[in-house]
Amino acid sequence: MEAANPVLAEPADDLIDAVLDDRYRILERIGRGGMGRVYRAERIGLGRVVAIKVLDPLGQTSATDRARFAREAMAAGKVDHPNCVGVIDYGVAPAGGSGEAGTPYLVMDYVAGRSLAAELATHGPMPVARAFAIARHLLRGLRHAHGLGLVHRDLTPHNVLLVERDGDPDFARLLDFGLARLMASFSDPAAAQITSTGIVCGTPRYMAPEQGLGQALDQRVDLYALSVVLYELLTGAPPFSADEPIKVVMMHVSQPVPAMATHVGAGVVPAAVEALVRRGLAKAADERPRDAEAYLAELDACEAGLGPAERGRAGVVTGATPAPIDAADAVRLATAATMIGPAVAAAPRRRWPWLVGAAVLLGVGAALLLTGGAGDAPSASQADRVRAGGTGTGSARPAGKPSGKPSGRRPGASTPGATPPPPVAGPATLPTTDDEAGPAAPAPPP
């Protein structure tokens, strides 16, 4: 018998039956994650079922805030690829009168699938051939998005949806493109540009060192996260895990990557495969593959050199499986990253542990803002279904103009309450004002 889902034990949801922006009627809540709630909804007048991610209220909002959110949502909506799930609409629903808490929401198509996290939890380590096939899907999606100037910044198994397509049961689709960036830009104008420093948004177990330190990011931060995912697919566990998010972040910064044999025993993962993953996990971004295209080429070359037995062999976890970090899994490090980022960047790498330790003592831990769980949790009766964005074959741009004053009301009721590439520029022309995190650009990972 399945354990009761904590989502079901929460008080009644006051958004059920509400109407957002005169377009979407909320039907039921299907998930809860670190940055908001996920609902099944209906597009009024069309009868189309969609998934809506309602982000947590962000406090006082202004017309500038809403315009910034709209620009970021439109940028995320440009993602239109079979291996990605993009935003198809968005809005900001006020909780009450003018100037009160704004509740941003993102809309995606509603489709069935299973999360990569659930697949890992059920079946454990994968054979190289299967893990590489999933990685190829993700790299193709990243190649497309990076070409648009977008960086995901929160690639995790919870943000990967596996669907059946063209005879492939593991057709992978990347969710939540740009969600963390959307959240950061809405709550902190200084975080608008993807190259700005000082705010860290993402999941600690999958954060590149430069991301955890609040430094400038480019596409290679996603390649690092993909390498963490690939490590986990092959071994059943991420390379680094600890009881506190800040500890995990600092392990990525300063600790060597554990041998895969630590988790699955010696000789299970071919040496060439482990070397490829380790290259993707290099502490210095310029020591990783240059871009998704280069990573794809290295992955193909690696697999071509393997024999059938090496490609088909799967390990059995021999070490302890790390416990979930729960609420600490999705995290924002807000202020201290600006303090430690430049210092670490300017120091020889051998001094990183000392500098990081000093930064922690100076208050990095106090700068930790928890934003929720590891991924959206579907209801217990729907454990293996995920509502996500559509097939990737249609246009992925917002369906309408951003609404500065969308309604969030119930029908008939009042409104309720090699040479490293340059950093990827922000997707829209933003002033020095300004995501990455399952289902996000509304698509819920289980």
Protein backbone atom coordinates (compact mmCIF):
# COMPACT_ATOMS: atom_id res chain seq x y z
CA MET A 1 0.00 0.00 0.00
CA GLU A 2 1.36 3.38 -0.96
CA ALA A 3 2.16 5.84 1.79
CA ALA A 4 -0.05 8.89 1.96
CA ASN A 5 1.28 11.78 -0.04
CA PRO A 6 1.90 14.85 2.14
CA VAL A 7 0.32 16.97 -0.61
CA LEU A 8 -3.02 15.34 0.14
CA ALA A 9 -2.77 16.12 3.85
CA GLU A 10 -2.53 19.86 3.31
CA PRO A 11 -5.52 22.18 3.78
CA ALA A 12 -8.00 22.66 0.97
CA ASP A 13 -6.51 24.58 -1.93
CA ASP A 14 -8.22 27.91 -2.47
CA LEU A 15 -7.21 27.96 -6.14
CA ILE A 16 -9.37 24.99 -7.08
CA ASP A 17 -12.14 26.27 -9.35
CA ALA A 18 -10.47 29.66 -9.61
CA VAL A 19 -10.07 31.36 -12.98
CA LEU A 20 -6.72 32.86 -13.96
CA ASP A 21 -6.57 35.72 -16.41
CA ASP A 22 -10.11 34.98 -17.64
CA ARG A 23 -8.63 32.04 -19.54
CA TYR A 24 -7.78 29.10 -17.29
CA ARG A 25 -10.06 27.33 -14.84
CA ILE A 26 -8.11 25.39 -12.17
CA LEU A 27 -9.44 21.83 -11.91
CA GLU A 28 -7.20 19.97 -9.50
CA ARG A 29 -3.83 20.16 -7.85
CA ILE A 30 -1.44 17.49 -9.08
CA GLY A 31 1.90 18.42 -7.55
CA ARG A 32 3.89 20.59 -5.18
CA GLY A 33 7.50 21.56 -5.65
CA GLY A 34 10.15 23.89 -4.40
CA MET A 35 8.92 26.88 -6.38
CA GLY A 36 5.19 26.42 -6.48
CA ARG A 37 2.18 24.23 -7.10
CA VAL A 38 1.15 22.38 -10.25
CA TYR A 39 -2.44 22.10 -11.40
CA ARG A 40 -4.48 20.48 -14.09
CA ALA A 41 -6.52 23.22 -15.69
CA GLU A 42 -8.82 23.87 -18.62
CA ARG A 43 -8.46 26.56 -21.25
CA ILE A 44 -11.85 28.24 -21.12
CA GLY A 45 -13.67 28.27 -24.44
CA LEU A 46 -11.44 25.62 -25.98
CA GLY A 47 -11.82 22.76 -23.53
CA ARG A 48 -8.09 22.15 -23.79
CA VAL A 49 -6.48 20.55 -20.74
CA VAL A 50 -3.21 22.17 -19.70
CA ALA A 51 -0.73 22.02 -16.83
CA ILE A 52 -0.27 25.24 -14.89
CA LYS A 53 2.55 25.89 -12.48
CA VAL A 54 1.54 28.59 -10.03
CA LEU A 55 4.72 29.98 -8.52
CA ASP A 56 4.80 30.95 -4.89
CA PRO A 57 3.73 34.57 -4.25
CA LEU A 58 6.67 36.91 -4.48
CA GLY A 59 5.67 39.74 -2.17
CA GLN A 60 5.19 43.30 -3.36
CA THR A 61 5.16 43.51 -7.13
CA SER A 62 5.15 46.40 -9.54
CA ALA A 63 4.53 46.99 -13.21
CA THR A 64 8.29 46.72 -13.72
CA ASP A 65 8.36 43.35 -11.95
CA ARG A 66 5.54 42.03 -14.13
CA ALA A 67 7.14 43.34 -17.31
CA ARG A 68 10.43 41.68 -16.38
CA PHE A 69 8.67 38.39 -15.65
CA ALA A 70 6.86 38.64 -18.99
CA ARG A 71 10.12 39.14 -20.89
CA GLU A 72 11.71 36.14 -19.19
CA ALA A 73 8.62 33.99 -19.79
CA MET A 74 8.59 34.97 -23.46
CA ALA A 75 12.24 34.00 -23.73
CA ALA A 76 11.50 30.61 -22.16
CA GLY A 77 8.58 30.28 -24.57
CA LYS A 78 10.98 30.32 -27.52
CA VAL A 79 12.14 26.84 -26.58
CA ASP A 80 10.51 24.65 -29.23
CA HIS A 81 12.18 21.26 -29.51
CA PRO A 82 10.99 17.65 -29.15
CA ASN A 83 13.37 17.12 -26.23
CA CYS A 84 12.21 20.20 -24.31
CA VAL A 85 8.97 21.33 -22.77
CA GLY A 86 8.41 25.03 -23.29
CA VAL A 87 6.14 27.69 -21.89
CA ILE A 88 2.97 28.26 -23.94
CA ASP A 89 1.43 31.02 -21.83
CA TYR A 90 1.99 32.95 -18.62
CA GLY A 91 0.55 35.62 -16.38
CA VAL A 92 0.70 37.24 -12.95
CA ALA A 93 -2.40 36.83 -10.82
CA PRO A 94 -2.74 39.40 -8.02
CA ALA A 95 -3.66 38.07 -4.59
CA GLY A 96 -5.78 41.13 -3.95
CA GLY A 97 -5.72 44.80 -4.73
CA SER A 98 -3.07 46.74 -6.59
CA GLY A 99 0.41 46.36 -5.14
CA GLU A 100 -0.32 43.18 -3.19
CA ALA A 101 1.52 39.90 -3.59
CA GLY A 102 1.79 38.82 -7.19
CA THR A 103 1.41 35.17 -8.12
CA PRO A 104 3.15 34.35 -11.41
CA TYR A 105 1.99 31.29 -13.31
CA LEU A 106 3.27 29.39 -16.31
CA VAL A 107 1.25 27.21 -18.67
CA MET A 108 2.26 24.07 -20.54
CA ASP A 109 0.48 21.29 -22.36
CA TYR A 110 -0.66 18.35 -20.25
CA VAL A 111 0.82 14.99 -21.20
CA ALA A 112 1.46 11.70 -19.43
CA GLY A 113 4.90 10.37 -18.64
CA ARG A 114 7.23 9.35 -15.85
CA SER A 115 10.06 11.29 -14.30
CA LEU A 116 13.63 10.13 -14.61
CA ALA A 117 13.85 10.42 -10.82
CA ALA A 118 11.01 7.92 -10.42
CA GLU A 119 12.64 5.60 -12.93
CA LEU A 120 15.90 5.67 -11.00
CA ALA A 121 14.14 5.09 -7.69
CA THR A 122 12.31 2.08 -9.12
CA HIS A 123 15.02 0.40 -11.20
CA GLY A 124 18.36 1.68 -9.93
CA PRO A 125 21.51 1.96 -12.10
CA MET A 126 21.10 1.67 -15.86
CA PRO A 127 23.22 -0.02 -18.53
CA VAL A 128 25.52 2.32 -20.41
CA ALA A 129 23.47 2.04 -23.61
CA ARG A 130 20.27 3.20 -21.91
CA ALA A 131 21.94 5.95 -19.90
CA PHE A 132 23.69 7.26 -23.02
CA ALA A 133 20.44 7.19 -25.01
CA ILE A 134 18.73 9.36 -22.41
CA ALA A 135 21.74 11.68 -22.25
CA ARG A 136 21.59 12.12 -26.04
CA HIS A 137 18.00 13.32 -25.82
CA LEU A 138 18.93 15.83 -23.15
CA LEU A 139 21.99 17.07 -25.02
CA ARG A 140 19.90 17.67 -28.15
CA GLY A 141 17.43 19.68 -26.11
CA LEU A 142 20.26 21.64 -24.50
CA ARG A 143 21.86 22.28 -27.89
CA HIS A 144 18.63 23.87 -29.07
CA ALA A 145 18.07 25.99 -25.96
CA HIS A 146 21.69 27.08 -25.70
CA GLY A 147 21.48 28.19 -29.31
CA LEU A 148 18.73 30.57 -28.19
CA GLY A 149 20.95 31.97 -25.46
CA LEU A 150 19.11 30.13 -22.69
CA VAL A 151 20.74 28.22 -19.85
CA HIS A 152 18.60 25.84 -17.79
CA ARG A 153 20.50 26.03 -14.47
CA ASP A 154 18.49 23.28 -12.77
CA LEU A 155 18.86 20.09 -14.79
CA THR A 156 18.01 17.20 -12.44
CA PRO A 157 16.27 13.80 -12.80
CA HIS A 158 13.14 15.46 -11.40
CA ASN A 159 13.16 17.82 -14.38
CA VAL A 160 13.39 15.08 -17.00
CA LEU A 161 10.24 13.43 -18.31
CA LEU A 162 10.38 10.05 -20.06
CA VAL A 163 7.63 9.44 -22.61
CA GLU A 164 6.95 6.84 -25.29
CA ARG A 165 7.61 8.27 -28.74
CA ASP A 166 8.35 6.66 -32.08
CA GLY A 167 8.96 3.31 -30.44
CA ASP A 168 11.37 4.77 -27.90
CA PRO A 169 10.10 4.22 -24.32
CA ASP A 170 12.81 6.52 -22.95
CA PHE A 171 12.26 9.58 -25.11
CA ALA A 172 13.50 12.25 -22.70
CA ARG A 173 12.07 15.74 -22.43
CA LEU A 174 13.62 18.46 -20.34
CA LEU A 175 11.23 20.39 -18.12
CA ASP A 176 11.39 23.71 -16.31
CA PHE A 177 13.60 25.57 -18.76
CA GLY A 178 14.26 28.98 -17.31
CA LEU A 179 12.10 28.58 -14.20
CA ALA A 180 14.81 29.45 -11.70
CA ARG A 181 15.84 32.38 -13.86
CA LEU A 182 12.24 33.55 -13.94
CA MET A 183 12.03 33.36 -10.17
CA ALA A 184 15.34 35.14 -9.71
CA SER A 185 14.49 37.91 -12.15
CA PHE A 186 11.10 38.52 -10.60
CA SER A 187 12.38 38.73 -7.04
CA ASP A 188 15.72 40.47 -7.63
CA PRO A 189 16.28 42.94 -10.49
CA ALA A 190 20.04 42.40 -10.23
CA ALA A 191 19.56 38.77 -11.23
CA ALA A 192 18.09 39.49 -14.65
CA GLN A 193 21.22 38.87 -16.65
CA ILE A 194 22.39 35.30 -16.78
CA THR A 195 25.96 36.50 -16.35
CA SER A 196 25.28 38.44 -13.17
CA THR A 197 26.65 37.23 -9.87
CA GLY A 198 25.39 37.10 -6.34
CA ILE A 199 22.33 34.86 -6.55
CA VAL A 200 22.39 31.08 -6.72
CA CYS A 201 19.34 29.18 -7.81
CA GLY A 202 19.20 25.46 -8.42
CA THR A 203 19.50 22.07 -6.76
CA PRO A 204 22.73 21.56 -4.77
CA ARG A 205 23.37 17.96 -5.85
CA TYR A 206 23.54 19.08 -9.49
CA MET A 207 25.24 22.48 -9.19
CA ALA A 208 28.46 23.25 -11.00
CA PRO A 209 31.12 24.89 -8.80
CA GLU A 210 30.72 28.27 -10.48
CA GLN A 211 26.97 28.12 -9.94
CA GLY A 212 27.29 27.36 -6.25
CA LEU A 213 29.68 30.28 -5.88
CA GLY A 214 27.39 32.76 -7.59
CA GLN A 215 29.79 33.37 -10.47
CA ALA A 216 28.99 34.10 -14.12
CA LEU A 217 27.39 31.16 -15.91
CA ASP A 218 27.34 29.88 -19.46
CA GLN A 219 26.04 26.70 -21.12
CA ARG A 220 28.71 24.57 -19.47
CA VAL A 221 26.87 24.77 -16.16
CA ASP A 222 24.16 22.62 -17.79
CA LEU A 223 26.75 20.18 -19.11
CA TYR A 224 28.05 19.77 -15.57
CA ALA A 225 24.54 19.05 -14.30
CA LEU A 226 23.98 16.56 -17.11
CA SER A 227 27.21 14.83 -16.08
CA VAL A 228 25.91 14.54 -12.52
CA VAL A 229 22.72 13.00 -13.91
CA LEU A 230 24.74 10.61 -16.08
CA TYR A 231 26.85 9.62 -13.06
CA GLU A 232 23.62 8.91 -11.17
CA LEU A 233 22.11 6.90 -14.03
CA LEU A 234 25.18 4.66 -14.09
CA THR A 235 25.67 4.28 -10.33
CA GLY A 236 22.29 4.91 -8.73
CA ALA A 237 23.63 7.83 -6.67
CA PRO A 238 24.87 11.38 -7.32
CA PRO A 239 28.59 11.98 -6.80
CA PHE A 240 28.04 14.22 -3.78
CA SER A 241 25.47 14.07 -1.01
CA ALA A 242 25.27 15.46 2.52
CA ASP A 243 22.72 16.31 5.17
CA GLU A 244 22.83 20.04 4.44
CA PRO A 245 22.61 21.80 1.05
CA ILE A 246 25.54 24.10 1.73
CA LYS A 247 27.78 21.10 2.38
CA VAL A 248 26.82 19.60 -0.98
CA VAL A 249 27.56 22.87 -2.77
CA MET A 250 31.01 23.04 -1.20
CA MET A 251 31.73 19.40 -2.06
CA HIS A 252 31.15 20.25 -5.73
CA VAL A 253 33.56 23.16 -5.34
CA SER A 254 36.39 21.40 -3.54
CA GLN A 255 36.08 17.61 -3.36
CA PRO A 256 37.29 15.10 -5.98
CA VAL A 257 34.60 13.07 -7.72
CA PRO A 258 34.29 9.63 -6.05
CA ALA A 259 35.08 6.61 -8.20
CA MET A 260 31.96 5.00 -9.63
CA ALA A 261 33.10 1.69 -8.13
CA THR A 262 32.27 3.26 -4.76
CA HIS A 263 28.62 2.74 -5.61
CA VAL A 264 28.40 -0.24 -7.97
CA GLY A 265 31.62 -2.17 -7.46
CA ALA A 266 34.75 -2.45 -9.56
CA GLY A 267 34.62 -3.18 -13.28
CA VAL A 268 30.93 -2.41 -13.78
CA VAL A 269 31.24 0.99 -15.46
CA PRO A 270 33.82 0.91 -18.29
CA ALA A 271 36.86 3.12 -17.70
CA ALA A 272 36.21 5.11 -20.88
CA VAL A 273 32.67 5.89 -19.74
CA GLU A 274 33.82 7.01 -16.32
CA ALA A 275 36.51 9.20 -17.91
CA LEU A 276 33.88 10.88 -20.10
CA VAL A 277 31.64 11.63 -17.14
CA ARG A 278 34.58 12.92 -15.10
CA ARG A 279 35.48 15.31 -17.90
CA GLY A 280 31.96 16.69 -17.73
CA LEU A 281 32.39 17.07 -13.96
CA ALA A 282 35.60 19.09 -14.18
CA LYS A 283 35.75 21.83 -11.55
CA ALA A 284 36.91 24.35 -14.14
CA ALA A 285 34.35 25.04 -16.85
CA ASP A 286 37.00 25.29 -19.57
CA GLU A 287 38.03 21.68 -18.89
CA ARG A 288 34.55 20.37 -19.75
CA PRO A 289 33.21 19.80 -23.27
CA ARG A 290 32.81 23.16 -24.97
CA ASP A 291 29.11 22.78 -25.71
CA ALA A 292 26.32 20.23 -26.12
CA GLU A 293 27.40 19.40 -29.66
CA ALA A 294 30.93 18.58 -28.50
CA TYR A 295 29.56 16.50 -25.63
CA LEU A 296 27.38 14.54 -28.06
CA ALA A 297 30.40 13.82 -30.24
CA GLU A 298 32.44 12.62 -27.26
CA LEU A 299 29.57 10.45 -26.04
CA ASP A 300 29.13 8.84 -29.47
CA ALA A 301 32.85 8.18 -29.80
CA CYS A 302 32.96 6.66 -26.34
CA GLU A 303 30.08 4.28 -26.98
CA ALA A 304 31.47 3.28 -30.37
CA GLY A 305 34.56 1.97 -28.60
CA LEU A 306 32.60 -0.29 -26.25
CA GLY A 307 31.70 -3.92 -26.78
CA PRO A 308 28.12 -5.26 -26.49
CA ALA A 309 28.72 -6.58 -22.98
CA GLU A 310 30.06 -3.22 -21.79
CA ARG A 311 27.13 -1.34 -23.27
CA GLY A 312 24.56 -3.69 -21.76
CA ARG A 313 25.97 -4.22 -18.28
CA ALA A 314 24.15 -2.53 -15.38
CA GLY A 315 25.47 -2.23 -11.86
CA VAL A 316 23.83 -3.04 -8.57
CA VAL A 317 24.18 -0.43 -5.85
CA THR A 318 26.65 -1.63 -3.23
CA GLY A 319 27.05 1.56 -1.22
CA ALA A 320 24.54 3.47 0.85
CA THR A 321 21.85 5.28 -1.11
CA PRO A 322 21.83 8.97 -0.17
CA ALA A 323 18.72 10.15 1.62
CA PRO A 324 16.71 12.94 0.01
CA ILE A 325 17.56 16.44 1.13
CA ASP A 326 13.82 17.17 1.05
CA ALA A 327 13.14 20.88 1.46
CA ALA A 328 16.82 21.68 1.17
CA ASP A 329 17.10 20.07 -2.24
CA ALA A 330 15.80 23.14 -4.05
CA VAL A 331 17.76 26.06 -2.74
CA ARG A 332 18.65 29.68 -3.31
CA LEU A 333 21.86 31.08 -1.84
CA ALA A 334 21.19 34.76 -1.87
CA THR A 335 23.90 37.04 -0.57
CA ALA A 336 27.14 35.40 0.47
CA ALA A 337 27.86 34.10 -3.03
CA THR A 338 28.91 37.61 -4.01
CA MET A 339 31.44 37.49 -1.22
CA ILE A 340 33.05 34.16 -2.03
CA GLY A 341 32.71 34.19 -5.82
CA PRO A 342 35.40 36.73 -6.75
CA ALA A 343 37.75 35.51 -4.02
CA VAL A 344 37.67 31.93 -5.21
CA ALA A 345 37.96 32.91 -8.85
CA ALA A 346 41.13 34.84 -8.15
CA ALA A 347 42.77 32.19 -5.99
CA PRO A 348 44.79 29.13 -7.04
CA ARG A 349 42.55 26.08 -7.14
CA ARG A 350 44.45 24.34 -4.33
CA ARG A 351 43.23 27.06 -1.94
CA TRP A 352 39.52 26.58 -2.70
CA PRO A 353 38.70 24.47 0.37
CA TRP A 354 40.22 27.04 2.72
CA LEU A 355 38.49 29.97 1.05
CA VAL A 356 35.16 28.18 0.93
CA GLY A 357 35.47 27.18 4.57
CA ALA A 358 36.23 30.75 5.53
CA ALA A 359 33.24 31.97 3.56
CA VAL A 360 30.99 29.51 5.34
CA LEU A 361 32.26 30.78 8.70
CA LEU A 362 31.53 34.33 7.56
CA GLY A 363 27.91 33.49 6.99
CA VAL A 364 27.20 31.55 3.82
CA GLY A 365 25.02 29.23 5.84
CA ALA A 366 22.97 32.16 7.05
CA ALA A 367 22.37 33.20 3.46
CA LEU A 368 20.58 29.96 2.62
CA LEU A 369 16.98 30.37 1.57
CA LEU A 370 15.12 27.10 1.17
CA THR A 371 12.48 27.09 -1.51
CA GLY A 372 11.05 23.59 -1.35
CA GLY A 373 11.48 19.94 -2.18
CA ALA A 374 13.53 18.03 -4.68
CA GLY A 375 10.77 18.02 -7.22
CA ASP A 376 7.02 18.28 -7.60
CA ALA A 377 5.24 15.46 -5.85
CA PRO A 378 2.29 14.04 -7.75
CA SER A 379 -0.63 12.66 -5.81
CA ALA A 380 -0.21 9.11 -4.58
CA SER A 381 -2.87 7.80 -6.91
CA GLN A 382 -1.02 9.28 -9.87
CA ALA A 383 2.49 8.27 -8.90
CA ASP A 384 3.74 7.45 -12.38
CA ARG A 385 2.08 10.22 -14.36
CA VAL A 386 3.46 13.64 -15.06
CA ARG A 387 1.69 16.55 -16.64
CA ALA A 388 4.11 18.33 -18.85
CA GLY A 389 4.49 20.29 -22.03
CA GLY A 390 3.29 18.91 -25.35
CA THR A 391 4.96 17.09 -28.18
CA GLY A 392 7.46 19.77 -29.02
CA THR A 393 6.28 19.99 -32.58
CA GLY A 394 4.15 23.08 -32.24
CA SER A 395 4.92 26.69 -31.53
CA ALA A 396 6.12 27.27 -28.01
CA ARG A 397 5.46 30.94 -27.67
CA PRO A 398 3.12 32.55 -25.19
CA ALA A 399 -0.49 32.40 -26.29
CA GLY A 400 -1.26 35.95 -25.41
CA LYS A 401 0.11 39.23 -24.22
CA PRO A 402 1.42 39.27 -20.69
CA SER A 403 -1.35 40.45 -18.46
CA GLY A 404 -0.48 43.07 -15.93
CA LYS A 405 -3.83 42.59 -14.20
CA PRO A 406 -4.96 39.01 -14.68
CA SER A 407 -7.81 37.85 -12.52
CA GLY A 408 -7.37 35.02 -10.08
CA ARG A 409 -11.01 34.63 -9.10
CA ARG A 410 -13.60 31.95 -8.68
CA PRO A 411 -16.56 32.15 -11.06
CA GLY A 412 -19.07 34.50 -9.50
CA ALA A 413 -16.80 35.35 -6.58
CA SER A 414 -14.50 38.20 -5.72
CA THR A 415 -10.79 37.96 -6.39
CA PRO A 416 -9.11 35.61 -3.86
CA GLY A 417 -6.16 36.09 -2.02
CA ALA A 418 38.79 24.50 -26.33
CA THR A 419 38.51 28.29 -26.13
CA PRO A 420 35.81 28.73 -23.62
CA PRO A 421 32.70 30.31 -25.10
CA PRO A 422 31.61 33.70 -23.84
CA PRO A 423 28.90 33.75 -21.19
CA VAL A 424 25.45 33.33 -22.67
CA ALA A 425 23.68 36.64 -22.71
CA GLY A 426 20.22 37.08 -21.27
CA PRO A 427 17.53 36.04 -23.72
CA ALA A 428 15.86 39.41 -23.82
CA THR A 429 17.18 42.93 -23.95
CA LEU A 430 17.13 43.66 -20.26
CA PRO A 431 18.62 46.62 -18.47
CA THR A 432 21.06 45.82 -15.70
CA THR A 433 18.04 44.65 -13.93
CA ASP A 434 17.09 41.51 -14.15
CA ASP A 435 16.23 29.74 -13.05
CA GLU A 436 16.80 27.37 -13.22
CA ALA A 437 13.85 24.06 -11.43
CA GLY A 438 10.10 18.60 -12.55
CA PRO A 439 7.49 20.70 -14.17
CA ALA A 440 8.33 24.21 -14.30
CA ALA A 441 7.83 26.24 -17.20
CA PRO A 442 4.64 24.49 -16.03
CA ALA A 443 5.44 20.89 -16.30
CA PRO A 444 5.42 18.87 -13.15
CA PRO A 445 8.00 16.24 -12.45
CA PRO A 446 6.72 13.53 -10.17
